Amino acid sequence: MANVETLRRLLAEQYGIHSDKELYEALKNKSKVNIGVCVSPVRKECEQHEKDRRIA
């Protein structure tokens, strides 16, 4: 994982973000990201789960 100084340098160079306040503002103003395609439900092999899955 990258260290904090490397991340701060990249934020400054690529996005012009030089402080925590600027980072928070940038994150607050960005659009939402839908990660639904990256996750899947956890499947449990039990009778109750089979009933729930048929209803859904």
PDB file of N, CA and C in Angstrom:
ATOM      1  N   MET A   1       0.839  -1.178   0.000  1.00  0.00           N
ATOM      2  CA  MET A   1       0.000   0.000   0.000  1.00  0.00           C
ATOM      3  C   MET A   1       0.886   1.245   0.000  1.00  0.00           C
ATOM      4  N   ALA A   2       0.435   2.253  -0.720  1.00  0.00           N
ATOM      5  CA  ALA A   2       1.222   3.477  -0.824  1.00  0.00           C
ATOM      6  C   ALA A   2       1.243   4.220   0.504  1.00  0.00           C
ATOM      7  N   ASN A   3       2.322   4.914   0.745  1.00  0.00           N
ATOM      8  CA  ASN A   3       2.393   5.672   1.998  1.00  0.00           C
ATOM      9  C   ASN A   3       1.708   7.026   1.844  1.00  0.00           C
ATOM     10  N   VAL A   4       1.494   7.692   2.941  1.00  0.00           N
ATOM     11  CA  VAL A   4       0.740   8.942   2.976  1.00  0.00           C
ATOM     12  C   VAL A   4       1.404  10.019   2.130  1.00  0.00           C
ATOM     13  N   GLU A   5       2.711  10.128   2.219  1.00  0.00           N
ATOM     14  CA  GLU A   5       3.410  11.174   1.458  1.00  0.00           C
ATOM     15  C   GLU A   5       3.261  10.960  -0.045  1.00  0.00           C
ATOM     16  N   THR A   6       3.302   9.720  -0.486  1.00  0.00           N
ATOM     17  CA  THR A   6       3.120   9.427  -1.914  1.00  0.00           C
ATOM     18  C   THR A   6       1.717   9.801  -2.358  1.00  0.00           C
ATOM     19  N   LEU A   7       0.717   9.465  -1.554  1.00  0.00           N
ATOM     20  CA  LEU A   7      -0.660   9.813  -1.894  1.00  0.00           C
ATOM     21  C   LEU A   7      -0.870  11.322  -1.920  1.00  0.00           C
ATOM     22  N   ARG A   8      -0.280  12.020  -0.959  1.00  0.00           N
ATOM     23  CA  ARG A   8      -0.411  13.486  -0.947  1.00  0.00           C
ATOM     24  C   ARG A   8       0.243  14.105  -2.182  1.00  0.00           C
ATOM     25  N   ARG A   9       1.394  13.584  -2.577  1.00  0.00           N
ATOM     26  CA  ARG A   9       2.078  14.102  -3.770  1.00  0.00           C
ATOM     27  C   ARG A   9       1.235  13.875  -5.013  1.00  0.00           C
ATOM     28  N   LEU A  10       0.646  12.677  -5.142  1.00  0.00           N
ATOM     29  CA  LEU A  10      -0.200  12.378  -6.300  1.00  0.00           C
ATOM     30  C   LEU A  10      -1.452  13.250  -6.325  1.00  0.00           C
ATOM     31  N   LEU A  11      -2.074  13.447  -5.177  1.00  0.00           N
ATOM     32  CA  LEU A  11      -3.244  14.325  -5.121  1.00  0.00           C
ATOM     33  C   LEU A  11      -2.896  15.742  -5.544  1.00  0.00           C
ATOM     34  N   ALA A  12      -1.745  16.228  -5.112  1.00  0.00           N
ATOM     35  CA  ALA A  12      -1.323  17.582  -5.469  1.00  0.00           C
ATOM     36  C   ALA A  12      -1.015  17.690  -6.957  1.00  0.00           C
ATOM     37  N   GLU A  13      -0.256  16.729  -7.477  1.00  0.00           N
ATOM     38  CA  GLU A  13       0.155  16.778  -8.885  1.00  0.00           C
ATOM     39  C   GLU A  13      -1.013  16.555  -9.843  1.00  0.00           C
ATOM     40  N   GLN A  14      -1.846  15.576  -9.567  1.00  0.00           N
ATOM     41  CA  GLN A  14      -2.886  15.201 -10.522  1.00  0.00           C
ATOM     42  C   GLN A  14      -4.203  15.948 -10.343  1.00  0.00           C
ATOM     43  N   TYR A  15      -4.499  16.379  -9.108  1.00  0.00           N
ATOM     44  CA  TYR A  15      -5.801  16.988  -8.856  1.00  0.00           C
ATOM     45  C   TYR A  15      -5.733  18.370  -8.224  1.00  0.00           C
ATOM     46  N   GLY A  16      -4.543  18.849  -7.922  1.00  0.00           N
ATOM     47  CA  GLY A  16      -4.411  20.169  -7.321  1.00  0.00           C
ATOM     48  C   GLY A  16      -4.906  20.228  -5.885  1.00  0.00           C
ATOM     49  N   ILE A  17      -4.934  19.092  -5.208  1.00  0.00           N
ATOM     50  CA  ILE A  17      -5.388  19.026  -3.821  1.00  0.00           C
ATOM     51  C   ILE A  17      -4.163  19.056  -2.920  1.00  0.00           C
ATOM     52  N   HIS A  18      -4.078  20.126  -2.099  1.00  0.00           N
ATOM     53  CA  HIS A  18      -2.889  20.337  -1.270  1.00  0.00           C
ATOM     54  C   HIS A  18      -3.141  20.263   0.229  1.00  0.00           C
ATOM     55  N   SER A  19      -4.407  20.107   0.644  1.00  0.00           N
ATOM     56  CA  SER A  19      -4.691  20.064   2.079  1.00  0.00           C
ATOM     57  C   SER A  19      -5.844  19.094   2.350  1.00  0.00           C
ATOM     58  N   ASP A  20      -6.003  18.762   3.626  1.00  0.00           N
ATOM     59  CA  ASP A  20      -7.115  17.896   4.015  1.00  0.00           C
ATOM     60  C   ASP A  20      -8.446  18.559   3.686  1.00  0.00           C
ATOM     61  N   LYS A  21      -8.537  19.866   3.905  1.00  0.00           N
ATOM     62  CA  LYS A  21      -9.770  20.591   3.625  1.00  0.00           C
ATOM     63  C   LYS A  21     -10.124  20.509   2.137  1.00  0.00           C
ATOM     64  N   GLU A  22      -9.147  20.684   1.265  1.00  0.00           N
ATOM     65  CA  GLU A  22      -9.393  20.588  -0.176  1.00  0.00           C
ATOM     66  C   GLU A  22      -9.826  19.167  -0.552  1.00  0.00           C
ATOM     67  N   LEU A  23      -9.241  18.159   0.081  1.00  0.00           N
ATOM     68  CA  LEU A  23      -9.619  16.774  -0.191  1.00  0.00           C
ATOM     69  C   LEU A  23     -11.066  16.525   0.229  1.00  0.00           C
ATOM     70  N   TYR A  24     -11.449  16.960   1.429  1.00  0.00           N
ATOM     71  CA  TYR A  24     -12.818  16.773   1.900  1.00  0.00           C
ATOM     72  C   TYR A  24     -13.816  17.468   0.978  1.00  0.00           C
ATOM     73  N   GLU A  25     -13.486  18.669   0.521  1.00  0.00           N
ATOM     74  CA  GLU A  25     -14.374  19.391  -0.392  1.00  0.00           C
ATOM     75  C   GLU A  25     -14.505  18.647  -1.720  1.00  0.00           C
ATOM     76  N   ALA A  26     -13.407  18.144  -2.238  1.00  0.00           N
ATOM     77  CA  ALA A  26     -13.444  17.407  -3.500  1.00  0.00           C
ATOM     78  C   ALA A  26     -14.282  16.142  -3.373  1.00  0.00           C
ATOM     79  N   LEU A  27     -14.136  15.437  -2.270  1.00  0.00           N
ATOM     80  CA  LEU A  27     -14.912  14.216  -2.064  1.00  0.00           C
ATOM     81  C   LEU A  27     -16.393  14.531  -1.871  1.00  0.00           C
ATOM     82  N   LYS A  28     -16.680  15.618  -1.188  1.00  0.00           N
ATOM     83  CA  LYS A  28     -18.063  16.006  -0.943  1.00  0.00           C
ATOM     84  C   LYS A  28     -18.766  16.390  -2.246  1.00  0.00           C
ATOM     85  N   ASN A  29     -18.044  16.986  -3.164  1.00  0.00           N
ATOM     86  CA  ASN A  29     -18.638  17.487  -4.403  1.00  0.00           C
ATOM     87  C   ASN A  29     -18.646  16.492  -5.550  1.00  0.00           C
ATOM     88  N   LYS A  30     -18.018  15.341  -5.374  1.00  0.00           N
ATOM     89  CA  LYS A  30     -17.988  14.380  -6.474  1.00  0.00           C
ATOM     90  C   LYS A  30     -19.284  13.597  -6.536  1.00  0.00           C
ATOM     91  N   SER A  31     -19.567  13.050  -7.700  1.00  0.00           N
ATOM     92  CA  SER A  31     -20.790  12.269  -7.848  1.00  0.00           C
ATOM     93  C   SER A  31     -20.639  10.916  -7.160  1.00  0.00           C
ATOM     94  N   LYS A  32     -21.761  10.314  -6.878  1.00  0.00           N
ATOM     95  CA  LYS A  32     -21.763   9.020  -6.210  1.00  0.00           C
ATOM     96  C   LYS A  32     -21.285   7.933  -7.171  1.00  0.00           C
ATOM     97  N   VAL A  33     -20.698   6.885  -6.630  1.00  0.00           N
ATOM     98  CA  VAL A  33     -20.220   5.759  -7.427  1.00  0.00           C
ATOM     99  C   VAL A  33     -21.054   4.539  -7.064  1.00  0.00           C
ATOM    100  N   ASN A  34     -21.663   3.921  -8.054  1.00  0.00           N
ATOM    101  CA  ASN A  34     -22.459   2.715  -7.837  1.00  0.00           C
ATOM    102  C   ASN A  34     -21.530   1.512  -7.924  1.00  0.00           C
ATOM    103  N   ILE A  35     -21.352   0.818  -6.806  1.00  0.00           N
ATOM    104  CA  ILE A  35     -20.466  -0.346  -6.786  1.00  0.00           C
ATOM    105  C   ILE A  35     -21.249  -1.654  -6.825  1.00  0.00           C
ATOM    106  N   GLY A  36     -22.520  -1.576  -7.187  1.00  0.00           N
ATOM    107  CA  GLY A  36     -23.379  -2.755  -7.202  1.00  0.00           C
ATOM    108  C   GLY A  36     -22.845  -3.899  -8.041  1.00  0.00           C
ATOM    109  N   VAL A  37     -22.189  -3.605  -9.158  1.00  0.00           N
ATOM    110  CA  VAL A  37     -21.676  -4.673 -10.015  1.00  0.00           C
ATOM    111  C   VAL A  37     -20.427  -5.328  -9.430  1.00  0.00           C
ATOM    112  N   CYS A  38     -19.838  -4.712  -8.422  1.00  0.00           N
ATOM    113  CA  CYS A  38     -18.610  -5.243  -7.819  1.00  0.00           C
ATOM    114  C   CYS A  38     -18.883  -6.137  -6.614  1.00  0.00           C
ATOM    115  N   VAL A  39     -20.121  -6.211  -6.194  1.00  0.00           N
ATOM    116  CA  VAL A  39     -20.454  -7.002  -5.011  1.00  0.00           C
ATOM    117  C   VAL A  39     -21.546  -8.005  -5.345  1.00  0.00           C
ATOM    118  N   SER A  40     -21.601  -9.054  -4.601  1.00  0.00           N
ATOM    119  CA  SER A  40     -22.660 -10.041  -4.777  1.00  0.00           C
ATOM    120  C   SER A  40     -23.146 -10.480  -3.409  1.00  0.00           C
ATOM    121  N   PRO A  41     -24.382 -10.922  -3.322  1.00  0.00           N
ATOM    122  CA  PRO A  41     -24.889 -11.340  -2.020  1.00  0.00           C
ATOM    123  C   PRO A  41     -24.167 -12.578  -1.504  1.00  0.00           C
ATOM    124  N   VAL A  42     -24.061 -12.671  -0.216  1.00  0.00           N
ATOM    125  CA  VAL A  42     -23.459 -13.843   0.401  1.00  0.00           C
ATOM    126  C   VAL A  42     -24.530 -14.920   0.448  1.00  0.00           C
ATOM    127  N   ARG A  43     -24.209 -16.084  -0.080  1.00  0.00           N
ATOM    128  CA  ARG A  43     -25.185 -17.176  -0.100  1.00  0.00           C
ATOM    129  C   ARG A  43     -24.908 -18.132   1.042  1.00  0.00           C
ATOM    130  N   LYS A  44     -25.957 -18.408   1.792  1.00  0.00           N
ATOM    131  CA  LYS A  44     -25.860 -19.363   2.878  1.00  0.00           C
ATOM    132  C   LYS A  44     -26.629 -20.611   2.473  1.00  0.00           C
ATOM    133  N   GLU A  45     -26.062 -21.735   2.701  1.00  0.00           N
ATOM    134  CA  GLU A  45     -26.716 -22.993   2.373  1.00  0.00           C
ATOM    135  C   GLU A  45     -27.522 -23.463   3.572  1.00  0.00           C
ATOM    136  N   CYS A  46     -28.729 -22.938   3.696  1.00  0.00           N
ATOM    137  CA  CYS A  46     -29.610 -23.372   4.769  1.00  0.00           C
ATOM    138  C   CYS A  46     -31.049 -23.256   4.298  1.00  0.00           C
ATOM    139  N   GLU A  47     -31.947 -23.898   5.002  1.00  0.00           N
ATOM    140  CA  GLU A  47     -33.346 -23.919   4.605  1.00  0.00           C
ATOM    141  C   GLU A  47     -33.958 -22.519   4.584  1.00  0.00           C
ATOM    142  N   GLN A  48     -33.677 -21.703   5.595  1.00  0.00           N
ATOM    143  CA  GLN A  48     -34.246 -20.356   5.660  1.00  0.00           C
ATOM    144  C   GLN A  48     -33.793 -19.526   4.469  1.00  0.00           C
ATOM    145  N   HIS A  49     -32.533 -19.644   4.100  1.00  0.00           N
ATOM    146  CA  HIS A  49     -32.023 -18.874   2.969  1.00  0.00           C
ATOM    147  C   HIS A  49     -32.715 -19.303   1.689  1.00  0.00           C
ATOM    148  N   GLU A  50     -32.950 -20.578   1.513  1.00  0.00           N
ATOM    149  CA  GLU A  50     -33.631 -21.059   0.304  1.00  0.00           C
ATOM    150  C   GLU A  50     -35.025 -20.458   0.217  1.00  0.00           C
ATOM    151  N   LYS A  51     -35.741 -20.337   1.335  1.00  0.00           N
ATOM    152  CA  LYS A  51     -37.071 -19.722   1.334  1.00  0.00           C
ATOM    153  C   LYS A  51     -36.969 -18.255   0.952  1.00  0.00           C
ATOM    154  N   ASP A  52     -36.003 -17.552   1.531  1.00  0.00           N
ATOM    155  CA  ASP A  52     -35.827 -16.116   1.239  1.00  0.00           C
ATOM    156  C   ASP A  52     -35.478 -15.912  -0.224  1.00  0.00           C
ATOM    157  N   ARG A  53     -34.645 -16.765  -0.774  1.00  0.00           N
ATOM    158  CA  ARG A  53     -34.200 -16.595  -2.150  1.00  0.00           C
ATOM    159  C   ARG A  53     -35.365 -16.791  -3.109  1.00  0.00           C
ATOM    160  N   ARG A  54     -36.275 -17.699  -2.843  1.00  0.00           N
ATOM    161  CA  ARG A  54     -37.424 -17.922  -3.710  1.00  0.00           C
ATOM    162  C   ARG A  54     -38.364 -16.719  -3.683  1.00  0.00           C
ATOM    163  N   ILE A  55     -38.451 -16.046  -2.538  1.00  0.00           N
ATOM    164  CA  ILE A  55     -39.334 -14.893  -2.431  1.00  0.00           C
ATOM    165  C   ILE A  55     -38.771 -13.725  -3.231  1.00  0.00           C
ATOM    166  N   ALA A  56     -37.476 -13.531  -3.156  1.00  0.00           N
ATOM    167  CA  ALA A  56     -36.830 -12.418  -3.854  1.00  0.00           C
ATOM    168  C   ALA A  56     -36.852 -12.685  -5.311  1.00  0.00           C
TER     169      ALA A  56
END
